[in-house]
């Protein structure tokens, strides 16, 4: 997956299928973007909302940017390209990019719109401007996108 803004690459990472952990959180491994691959959820470019999550940084032992380290820089109109191993790709355009509380994200129907007949893409990471509590940021950053 590549996300670019004004010719600058903000994200360039491999996508891997992922599911919710024991706490009900989509937490992909570091260094990749996790696609929410539970039954009933769309692949990027298919009808419905496709949810992709990645880490903004990692602490090992110092803080380093991870796959979504620049996601907060995405603005409406920026291009998101998802490439498949088959060589095919699908292009999306960011329509909205903003911070939400971690409690708001699971309740926001505009993110989890799995029944929409249009292909939608949602990118989710932590919001690095929020406090860290229990080793996790208290907020999320979400990007909404539609087909380009």
N, C-alpha and C. Protein backbone atom coordinates (compact mmCIF):
# COMPACT_ATOMS: atom_id res chain seq x y z
N UNK A 1 0.84 -1.16 0.00
CA UNK A 1 0.00 0.00 0.00
C UNK A 1 0.89 1.23 0.00
N UNK A 2 0.52 2.20 -0.82
CA UNK A 2 1.25 3.46 -0.88
C UNK A 2 0.25 4.60 -0.68
N UNK A 3 0.60 5.52 0.20
CA UNK A 3 -0.18 6.74 0.40
C UNK A 3 0.73 7.90 0.05
N UNK A 4 0.26 8.77 -0.86
CA UNK A 4 1.09 9.89 -1.26
C UNK A 4 0.31 11.20 -1.18
N UNK A 5 1.06 12.27 -0.90
CA UNK A 5 0.51 13.61 -0.78
C UNK A 5 1.44 14.57 -1.49
N UNK A 6 0.93 15.26 -2.49
CA UNK A 6 1.73 16.23 -3.25
C UNK A 6 3.04 15.63 -3.73
N UNK A 7 2.98 14.39 -4.21
CA UNK A 7 4.15 13.72 -4.75
C UNK A 7 5.06 13.10 -3.70
N UNK A 8 4.77 13.29 -2.43
CA UNK A 8 5.60 12.73 -1.36
C UNK A 8 4.94 11.47 -0.81
N UNK A 9 5.72 10.40 -0.67
CA UNK A 9 5.21 9.15 -0.11
C UNK A 9 5.13 9.26 1.41
N UNK A 10 3.92 9.04 1.94
CA UNK A 10 3.71 9.08 3.39
C UNK A 10 3.69 7.68 3.99
N UNK A 11 3.21 6.71 3.23
CA UNK A 11 3.14 5.32 3.68
C UNK A 11 3.54 4.43 2.52
N UNK A 12 4.36 3.44 2.77
CA UNK A 12 4.71 2.42 1.78
C UNK A 12 4.94 1.13 2.57
N UNK A 13 3.90 0.29 2.64
CA UNK A 13 3.98 -0.88 3.51
C UNK A 13 3.18 -2.04 2.94
N UNK A 14 3.57 -3.22 3.33
CA UNK A 14 2.87 -4.45 2.97
C UNK A 14 1.60 -4.58 3.81
N UNK A 15 0.53 -5.10 3.18
CA UNK A 15 -0.73 -5.36 3.88
C UNK A 15 -0.83 -6.85 4.16
N UNK A 16 -1.20 -7.19 5.40
CA UNK A 16 -1.40 -8.60 5.78
C UNK A 16 -2.78 -8.75 6.40
N UNK A 17 -3.44 -9.91 6.19
CA UNK A 17 -4.73 -10.14 6.85
C UNK A 17 -4.55 -10.17 8.36
N UNK A 18 -5.53 -9.63 9.08
CA UNK A 18 -5.45 -9.59 10.53
C UNK A 18 -6.85 -9.72 11.11
N UNK A 19 -6.94 -10.14 12.35
CA UNK A 19 -8.21 -10.26 13.05
C UNK A 19 -8.09 -9.60 14.42
N UNK A 20 -9.20 -9.49 15.10
CA UNK A 20 -9.19 -8.88 16.43
C UNK A 20 -8.43 -9.76 17.41
N UNK A 21 -7.73 -9.11 18.34
CA UNK A 21 -7.03 -9.87 19.38
C UNK A 21 -8.01 -10.23 20.51
N UNK A 22 -7.50 -10.82 21.57
CA UNK A 22 -8.35 -11.27 22.68
C UNK A 22 -9.09 -10.12 23.37
N UNK A 23 -8.58 -8.90 23.21
CA UNK A 23 -9.22 -7.73 23.82
C UNK A 23 -10.16 -7.02 22.85
N UNK A 24 -10.36 -7.60 21.65
CA UNK A 24 -11.24 -7.00 20.66
C UNK A 24 -10.63 -5.84 19.90
N UNK A 25 -9.30 -5.84 19.80
CA UNK A 25 -8.57 -4.76 19.15
C UNK A 25 -7.88 -5.29 17.91
N UNK A 26 -7.92 -4.50 16.84
CA UNK A 26 -7.17 -4.83 15.64
C UNK A 26 -5.76 -4.27 15.83
N UNK A 27 -4.82 -5.14 16.12
CA UNK A 27 -3.45 -4.73 16.44
C UNK A 27 -2.47 -5.53 15.59
N UNK A 28 -2.20 -5.06 14.36
CA UNK A 28 -1.30 -5.81 13.48
C UNK A 28 0.13 -5.83 14.00
N UNK A 29 0.94 -6.73 13.47
CA UNK A 29 2.36 -6.73 13.85
C UNK A 29 3.01 -5.41 13.43
N UNK A 30 4.09 -5.05 14.09
CA UNK A 30 4.84 -3.87 13.68
C UNK A 30 5.41 -4.09 12.29
N UNK A 31 5.54 -3.02 11.53
CA UNK A 31 6.18 -3.07 10.22
C UNK A 31 5.28 -3.43 9.06
N UNK A 32 4.01 -3.70 9.32
CA UNK A 32 3.05 -4.01 8.26
C UNK A 32 1.73 -3.29 8.56
N UNK A 33 0.86 -3.27 7.56
CA UNK A 33 -0.50 -2.76 7.73
C UNK A 33 -1.42 -3.96 7.83
N UNK A 34 -2.29 -3.97 8.81
CA UNK A 34 -3.22 -5.07 9.00
C UNK A 34 -4.56 -4.78 8.36
N UNK A 35 -5.03 -5.70 7.52
CA UNK A 35 -6.37 -5.60 6.92
C UNK A 35 -7.32 -6.42 7.78
N UNK A 36 -8.42 -5.79 8.21
CA UNK A 36 -9.42 -6.46 9.04
C UNK A 36 -10.09 -7.52 8.19
N UNK A 37 -9.65 -8.77 8.34
CA UNK A 37 -10.04 -9.86 7.44
C UNK A 37 -11.09 -10.79 8.04
N UNK A 38 -11.85 -10.31 9.02
CA UNK A 38 -12.93 -11.13 9.57
C UNK A 38 -13.97 -11.37 8.48
N UNK A 39 -14.71 -12.46 8.60
CA UNK A 39 -15.75 -12.78 7.63
C UNK A 39 -16.74 -11.61 7.54
N UNK A 40 -17.10 -11.25 6.32
CA UNK A 40 -18.06 -10.18 6.10
C UNK A 40 -17.43 -8.81 5.85
N UNK A 41 -16.13 -8.70 6.00
CA UNK A 41 -15.47 -7.42 5.78
C UNK A 41 -14.78 -7.41 4.42
N UNK A 42 -14.88 -6.28 3.74
CA UNK A 42 -14.42 -6.16 2.36
C UNK A 42 -12.90 -6.12 2.24
N UNK A 43 -12.43 -6.69 1.13
CA UNK A 43 -11.05 -6.47 0.72
C UNK A 43 -11.00 -5.07 0.11
N UNK A 44 -9.86 -4.40 0.15
CA UNK A 44 -9.77 -3.08 -0.47
C UNK A 44 -10.17 -3.12 -1.95
N UNK A 45 -11.12 -2.26 -2.32
CA UNK A 45 -11.61 -2.20 -3.69
C UNK A 45 -12.91 -2.95 -3.90
N UNK A 46 -13.32 -3.75 -2.93
CA UNK A 46 -14.58 -4.49 -3.02
C UNK A 46 -15.67 -3.67 -2.33
N UNK A 47 -16.95 -3.96 -2.63
CA UNK A 47 -18.03 -3.22 -1.98
C UNK A 47 -17.98 -3.33 -0.46
N UNK A 48 -18.20 -2.21 0.21
CA UNK A 48 -18.18 -2.16 1.66
C UNK A 48 -16.94 -1.47 2.18
N UNK A 49 -16.88 -1.35 3.48
CA UNK A 49 -15.73 -0.69 4.12
C UNK A 49 -14.61 -1.68 4.35
N UNK A 50 -13.44 -1.33 3.87
CA UNK A 50 -12.24 -2.11 4.14
C UNK A 50 -11.44 -1.35 5.19
N UNK A 51 -11.13 -2.04 6.28
CA UNK A 51 -10.45 -1.41 7.41
C UNK A 51 -8.98 -1.84 7.43
N UNK A 52 -8.08 -0.85 7.39
CA UNK A 52 -6.65 -1.11 7.47
C UNK A 52 -6.10 -0.39 8.70
N UNK A 53 -5.32 -1.10 9.49
CA UNK A 53 -4.75 -0.51 10.71
C UNK A 53 -3.24 -0.71 10.72
N UNK A 54 -2.56 0.24 11.31
CA UNK A 54 -1.11 0.15 11.43
C UNK A 54 -0.64 0.95 12.63
N UNK A 55 0.56 0.68 13.05
CA UNK A 55 1.13 1.40 14.19
C UNK A 55 1.75 2.71 13.71
N UNK A 56 1.65 3.72 14.55
CA UNK A 56 2.26 5.01 14.22
C UNK A 56 3.73 5.02 14.62
N UNK A 57 4.03 4.30 15.69
CA UNK A 57 5.43 4.18 16.10
C UNK A 57 5.60 2.92 16.94
N UNK A 58 6.84 2.65 17.27
CA UNK A 58 7.15 1.52 18.15
C UNK A 58 8.24 1.96 19.11
N UNK A 59 8.24 1.34 20.24
CA UNK A 59 9.23 1.67 21.28
C UNK A 59 10.11 0.45 21.50
N UNK A 60 11.29 0.46 20.89
CA UNK A 60 12.13 -0.75 21.00
C UNK A 60 13.62 -0.43 20.91
N UNK A 61 14.29 0.02 21.89
CA UNK A 61 13.83 0.64 23.13
C UNK A 61 13.48 2.11 22.95
N UNK A 62 13.92 2.73 21.84
CA UNK A 62 13.56 4.14 21.62
C UNK A 62 12.35 4.22 20.69
N UNK A 63 11.71 5.37 20.64
CA UNK A 63 10.54 5.55 19.80
C UNK A 63 10.99 5.73 18.35
N UNK A 64 10.45 4.89 17.45
CA UNK A 64 10.74 4.96 16.02
C UNK A 64 9.43 4.96 15.26
N UNK A 65 9.36 5.66 14.14
CA UNK A 65 8.15 5.66 13.32
C UNK A 65 7.90 4.26 12.77
N UNK A 66 6.63 3.89 12.67
CA UNK A 66 6.26 2.61 12.07
C UNK A 66 5.46 2.89 10.80
N UNK A 67 4.73 1.90 10.30
CA UNK A 67 4.08 1.98 8.99
C UNK A 67 3.19 3.20 8.82
N UNK A 68 2.42 3.57 9.83
CA UNK A 68 1.53 4.73 9.72
C UNK A 68 2.10 5.95 10.44
N UNK A 69 3.42 6.04 10.49
CA UNK A 69 4.09 7.14 11.16
C UNK A 69 3.76 8.52 10.62
N UNK A 70 3.34 8.60 9.36
CA UNK A 70 3.00 9.89 8.75
C UNK A 70 1.52 9.98 8.39
N UNK A 71 0.69 9.08 8.91
CA UNK A 71 -0.73 9.07 8.53
C UNK A 71 -1.44 10.36 8.92
N UNK A 72 -1.01 11.01 9.99
CA UNK A 72 -1.67 12.25 10.40
C UNK A 72 -1.45 13.39 9.40
N UNK A 73 -0.55 13.21 8.44
CA UNK A 73 -0.30 14.22 7.41
C UNK A 73 -1.21 14.07 6.20
N UNK A 74 -1.98 12.97 6.14
CA UNK A 74 -2.88 12.74 5.01
C UNK A 74 -4.00 13.78 5.03
N UNK A 75 -4.29 14.34 3.87
CA UNK A 75 -5.33 15.37 3.73
C UNK A 75 -6.31 14.95 2.63
N UNK A 76 -7.52 15.52 2.65
CA UNK A 76 -8.48 15.23 1.57
C UNK A 76 -7.85 15.47 0.20
N UNK A 77 -8.08 14.51 -0.69
CA UNK A 77 -7.52 14.57 -2.04
C UNK A 77 -6.26 13.75 -2.21
N UNK A 78 -5.60 13.38 -1.12
CA UNK A 78 -4.38 12.56 -1.22
C UNK A 78 -4.73 11.18 -1.76
N UNK A 79 -3.79 10.59 -2.47
CA UNK A 79 -4.00 9.30 -3.14
C UNK A 79 -3.50 8.13 -2.29
N UNK A 80 -4.31 7.08 -2.29
CA UNK A 80 -3.97 5.84 -1.58
C UNK A 80 -4.08 4.71 -2.60
N UNK A 81 -3.01 3.97 -2.82
CA UNK A 81 -3.01 2.88 -3.78
C UNK A 81 -2.77 1.57 -3.04
N UNK A 82 -3.68 0.63 -3.26
CA UNK A 82 -3.54 -0.71 -2.68
C UNK A 82 -3.18 -1.64 -3.83
N UNK A 83 -2.03 -2.30 -3.75
CA UNK A 83 -1.57 -3.22 -4.79
C UNK A 83 -1.71 -4.65 -4.30
N UNK A 84 -2.22 -5.50 -5.16
CA UNK A 84 -2.36 -6.92 -4.85
C UNK A 84 -1.17 -7.69 -5.41
N UNK A 85 -0.90 -8.87 -4.86
CA UNK A 85 0.21 -9.69 -5.34
C UNK A 85 0.00 -10.12 -6.78
N UNK A 86 -1.23 -10.07 -7.28
CA UNK A 86 -1.53 -10.41 -8.68
C UNK A 86 -1.01 -9.35 -9.64
N UNK A 87 -0.61 -8.21 -9.11
CA UNK A 87 -0.16 -7.11 -9.95
C UNK A 87 -1.24 -6.06 -10.15
N UNK A 88 -2.48 -6.39 -9.82
CA UNK A 88 -3.57 -5.42 -9.92
C UNK A 88 -3.49 -4.45 -8.76
N UNK A 89 -4.06 -3.27 -8.96
CA UNK A 89 -4.10 -2.29 -7.88
C UNK A 89 -5.41 -1.51 -7.95
N UNK A 90 -5.75 -0.89 -6.85
CA UNK A 90 -6.95 -0.06 -6.78
C UNK A 90 -6.56 1.25 -6.11
N UNK A 91 -7.06 2.36 -6.67
CA UNK A 91 -6.71 3.68 -6.16
C UNK A 91 -7.89 4.30 -5.42
N UNK A 92 -7.57 4.91 -4.29
CA UNK A 92 -8.55 5.62 -3.48
C UNK A 92 -8.10 7.06 -3.32
N UNK A 93 -9.06 7.90 -2.93
CA UNK A 93 -8.78 9.30 -2.65
C UNK A 93 -9.25 9.59 -1.23
N UNK A 94 -8.38 10.16 -0.42
CA UNK A 94 -8.76 10.52 0.95
C UNK A 94 -9.83 11.60 0.91
N UNK A 95 -10.87 11.43 1.73
CA UNK A 95 -11.94 12.41 1.80
C UNK A 95 -11.97 13.14 3.14
N UNK A 96 -11.41 12.51 4.16
CA UNK A 96 -11.40 13.10 5.50
C UNK A 96 -10.26 12.47 6.29
N UNK A 97 -9.67 13.24 7.19
CA UNK A 97 -8.56 12.76 8.01
C UNK A 97 -8.63 13.51 9.33
N UNK A 98 -8.90 12.76 10.43
CA UNK A 98 -9.04 13.48 11.70
C UNK A 98 -8.83 12.58 12.91
N UNK A 99 -8.65 13.23 14.05
CA UNK A 99 -8.47 12.54 15.33
C UNK A 99 -9.83 12.21 15.93
N UNK A 100 -9.90 11.06 16.58
CA UNK A 100 -11.09 10.64 17.33
C UNK A 100 -10.61 9.97 18.61
N UNK A 101 -11.45 10.01 19.62
CA UNK A 101 -11.11 9.29 20.85
C UNK A 101 -11.21 7.80 20.59
N UNK A 102 -10.47 7.02 21.35
CA UNK A 102 -10.54 5.55 21.18
C UNK A 102 -11.93 5.02 21.47
N UNK A 103 -12.69 5.69 22.32
CA UNK A 103 -14.06 5.24 22.60
C UNK A 103 -15.01 5.61 21.47
N UNK A 104 -14.71 6.65 20.70
CA UNK A 104 -15.58 7.06 19.59
C UNK A 104 -15.41 6.17 18.36
N UNK A 105 -14.21 5.67 18.12
CA UNK A 105 -13.94 4.90 16.90
C UNK A 105 -14.86 3.69 16.74
N UNK A 106 -15.04 2.83 17.75
CA UNK A 106 -15.90 1.66 17.55
C UNK A 106 -17.37 2.00 17.34
N UNK A 107 -17.77 3.21 17.73
CA UNK A 107 -19.18 3.61 17.63
C UNK A 107 -19.48 4.44 16.39
N UNK A 108 -18.46 4.80 15.63
CA UNK A 108 -18.64 5.68 14.47
C UNK A 108 -19.03 4.86 13.24
N UNK A 109 -20.31 4.92 12.88
CA UNK A 109 -20.81 4.13 11.75
C UNK A 109 -20.17 4.52 10.42
N UNK A 110 -19.64 5.74 10.31
CA UNK A 110 -19.00 6.13 9.05
C UNK A 110 -17.69 5.39 8.83
N UNK A 111 -17.13 4.82 9.89
CA UNK A 111 -15.92 4.00 9.76
C UNK A 111 -16.29 2.57 9.41
N UNK A 112 -17.23 2.01 10.13
CA UNK A 112 -17.56 0.58 10.06
C UNK A 112 -18.75 0.32 9.13
N UNK A 113 -18.85 1.00 8.02
CA UNK A 113 -19.98 0.90 7.10
C UNK A 113 -19.82 -0.31 6.18
N UNK A 114 -19.90 -1.50 6.75
CA UNK A 114 -19.64 -2.73 5.98
C UNK A 114 -20.71 -3.03 4.95
N UNK A 115 -21.91 -2.49 5.10
CA UNK A 115 -22.99 -2.79 4.18
C UNK A 115 -23.08 -1.84 3.00
N UNK A 116 -22.19 -0.87 2.91
CA UNK A 116 -22.23 0.09 1.81
C UNK A 116 -21.89 -0.61 0.50
N UNK A 117 -22.67 -0.35 -0.58
CA UNK A 117 -22.37 -1.00 -1.86
C UNK A 117 -21.13 -0.42 -2.55
N UNK A 118 -20.66 0.72 -2.11
CA UNK A 118 -19.47 1.34 -2.70
C UNK A 118 -18.21 0.85 -1.99
N UNK A 119 -17.11 0.69 -2.72
CA UNK A 119 -15.84 0.36 -2.07
C UNK A 119 -15.33 1.56 -1.25
N UNK A 120 -15.14 1.34 0.03
CA UNK A 120 -14.64 2.37 0.93
C UNK A 120 -13.37 1.88 1.60
N UNK A 121 -12.52 2.81 2.00
CA UNK A 121 -11.29 2.45 2.68
C UNK A 121 -11.16 3.31 3.93
N UNK A 122 -10.77 2.67 5.04
CA UNK A 122 -10.54 3.38 6.29
C UNK A 122 -9.16 2.98 6.81
N UNK A 123 -8.36 3.97 7.13
CA UNK A 123 -7.02 3.75 7.69
C UNK A 123 -7.05 4.23 9.13
N UNK A 124 -6.61 3.39 10.05
CA UNK A 124 -6.69 3.72 11.48
C UNK A 124 -5.33 3.50 12.15
N UNK A 125 -4.93 4.48 12.94
CA UNK A 125 -3.72 4.37 13.75
C UNK A 125 -3.94 5.12 15.06
N UNK A 126 -2.93 5.21 15.86
CA UNK A 126 -3.02 5.98 17.10
C UNK A 126 -2.75 7.45 16.81
N UNK A 127 -3.30 8.31 17.65
CA UNK A 127 -3.06 9.75 17.53
C UNK A 127 -1.90 10.11 18.46
N UNK A 128 -0.74 10.46 17.90
CA UNK A 128 0.43 10.71 18.73
C UNK A 128 0.37 12.00 19.53
N UNK A 129 -0.67 12.81 19.31
CA UNK A 129 -0.80 14.05 20.08
C UNK A 129 -1.55 13.83 21.39
N UNK A 130 -2.05 12.61 21.61
CA UNK A 130 -2.80 12.32 22.83
C UNK A 130 -1.88 11.69 23.88
N UNK A 131 -2.28 11.76 25.14
CA UNK A 131 -1.46 11.16 26.21
C UNK A 131 -1.35 9.64 26.05
N UNK A 132 -0.28 9.10 26.60
CA UNK A 132 -0.08 7.65 26.63
C UNK A 132 -0.52 7.16 28.01
N UNK A 133 -1.36 6.13 27.99
CA UNK A 133 -1.85 5.55 29.24
C UNK A 133 -1.76 4.03 29.11
N UNK A 134 -1.08 3.39 30.03
CA UNK A 134 -0.93 1.94 29.97
C UNK A 134 -0.17 1.48 28.73
N UNK A 135 0.73 2.32 28.23
CA UNK A 135 1.52 1.96 27.06
C UNK A 135 0.85 2.22 25.73
N UNK A 136 -0.35 2.84 25.75
CA UNK A 136 -1.09 3.10 24.51
C UNK A 136 -1.55 4.56 24.46
N UNK A 137 -1.56 5.12 23.25
CA UNK A 137 -2.11 6.46 23.09
C UNK A 137 -3.60 6.42 23.39
N UNK A 138 -4.13 7.51 23.93
CA UNK A 138 -5.54 7.56 24.30
C UNK A 138 -6.46 7.89 23.12
N UNK A 139 -5.90 8.28 21.99
CA UNK A 139 -6.71 8.65 20.83
C UNK A 139 -6.29 7.90 19.59
N UNK A 140 -7.14 7.99 18.57
CA UNK A 140 -6.86 7.39 17.26
C UNK A 140 -6.88 8.47 16.19
N UNK A 141 -6.23 8.16 15.07
CA UNK A 141 -6.30 8.99 13.87
C UNK A 141 -6.92 8.12 12.79
N UNK A 142 -7.91 8.67 12.08
CA UNK A 142 -8.63 7.91 11.06
C UNK A 142 -8.63 8.68 9.75
N UNK A 143 -8.41 7.96 8.65
CA UNK A 143 -8.52 8.51 7.31
C UNK A 143 -9.65 7.77 6.60
N UNK A 144 -10.57 8.53 6.02
CA UNK A 144 -11.67 7.99 5.22
C UNK A 144 -11.30 8.18 3.76
N UNK A 145 -11.60 7.18 2.91
CA UNK A 145 -11.28 7.30 1.48
C UNK A 145 -12.33 6.59 0.64
N UNK A 146 -12.50 7.09 -0.58
CA UNK A 146 -13.39 6.49 -1.57
C UNK A 146 -12.58 6.20 -2.83
N UNK A 147 -13.16 5.45 -3.75
CA UNK A 147 -12.45 5.15 -5.00
C UNK A 147 -12.06 6.45 -5.70
N UNK A 148 -10.87 6.46 -6.28
CA UNK A 148 -10.38 7.65 -6.98
C UNK A 148 -11.02 7.74 -8.36
